[in-house]
Amino acid sequence: MRIQGFPDNYILTGPIRGRSGKVRFLDQHRQVANSVPPPMAKILAHEIKTILCQDYLKFSVTP
């Protein structure tokens, strides 16, 4: 999971898919595959915050 950006001590929960593939809930492999890597999520969140703060300041200035 290190290649996805998760820390080494991160623990996944839930079933691990067996050979039959019959798992009712998402398995651990799919949880990792469908996730946004934490470093990328942090960068995206920072950029969204920056844009929202700029828009807020632009529209909240009172003459």
Protein backbone atom coordinates (compact mmCIF):
# COMPACT_ATOMS: atom_id res chain seq x y z
CA MET A 1 0.00 0.00 0.00
CA ARG A 2 3.04 2.22 0.25
CA ILE A 3 2.90 2.87 -3.50
CA GLN A 4 -0.64 4.29 -2.98
CA GLY A 5 0.70 6.69 -0.35
CA PHE A 6 -0.72 4.99 2.73
CA PRO A 7 1.52 4.90 5.81
CA ASP A 8 3.12 1.56 6.68
CA ASN A 9 1.08 1.26 9.88
CA TYR A 10 -2.30 1.75 8.14
CA ILE A 11 -4.67 -1.16 8.78
CA LEU A 12 -7.39 -2.21 6.34
CA THR A 13 -10.53 -3.84 7.66
CA GLY A 14 -13.05 -6.07 5.98
CA PRO A 15 -12.89 -9.35 4.11
CA ILE A 16 -10.19 -10.34 1.69
CA ARG A 17 -11.62 -11.78 -1.50
CA GLY A 18 -11.42 -15.54 -1.72
CA ARG A 19 -10.90 -17.49 -4.91
CA SER A 20 -14.65 -17.82 -5.40
CA GLY A 21 -15.00 -14.02 -5.52
CA LYS A 22 -18.24 -14.26 -3.54
CA VAL A 23 -17.87 -11.46 -1.02
CA ARG A 24 -20.93 -9.41 -0.13
CA PHE A 25 -18.96 -6.31 0.95
CA LEU A 26 -16.10 -4.54 -0.75
CA ASP A 27 -12.90 -6.43 -0.26
CA GLN A 28 -9.62 -4.92 0.89
CA HIS A 29 -8.06 -5.03 -2.56
CA ARG A 30 -10.90 -3.00 -4.04
CA GLN A 31 -10.81 -0.51 -1.16
CA VAL A 32 -7.19 0.29 -1.99
CA ALA A 33 -7.68 0.25 -5.76
CA ASN A 34 -10.65 2.64 -5.62
CA SER A 35 -9.14 5.04 -3.11
CA VAL A 36 -7.56 8.39 -3.79
CA PRO A 37 -3.97 8.24 -2.53
CA PRO A 38 -3.68 10.32 0.68
CA PRO A 39 -0.89 12.62 -0.64
CA MET A 40 -3.00 13.42 -3.70
CA ALA A 41 -6.11 13.98 -1.58
CA LYS A 42 -4.16 16.42 0.61
CA ILE A 43 -2.99 18.42 -2.41
CA LEU A 44 -6.50 18.51 -3.91
CA ALA A 45 -8.02 19.61 -0.59
CA HIS A 46 -5.45 22.39 -0.26
CA GLU A 47 -6.15 23.66 -3.78
CA ILE A 48 -9.92 23.59 -3.25
CA LYS A 49 -9.51 25.48 0.03
CA THR A 50 -7.31 28.08 -1.68
CA ILE A 51 -9.86 28.65 -4.45
CA LEU A 52 -12.77 28.85 -2.03
CA CYS A 53 -10.93 31.32 0.20
CA GLN A 54 -10.06 33.52 -2.79
CA ASP A 55 -13.69 33.54 -3.93
CA TYR A 56 -14.87 34.29 -0.41
CA LEU A 57 -12.49 37.24 -0.09
CA LYS A 58 -13.38 38.50 -3.55
CA PHE A 59 -17.11 38.60 -2.78
CA SER A 60 -16.98 39.59 0.89
CA VAL A 61 -15.09 42.88 0.45
CA THR A 62 -17.35 45.74 1.55
CA PRO A 63 -16.81 49.21 0.09
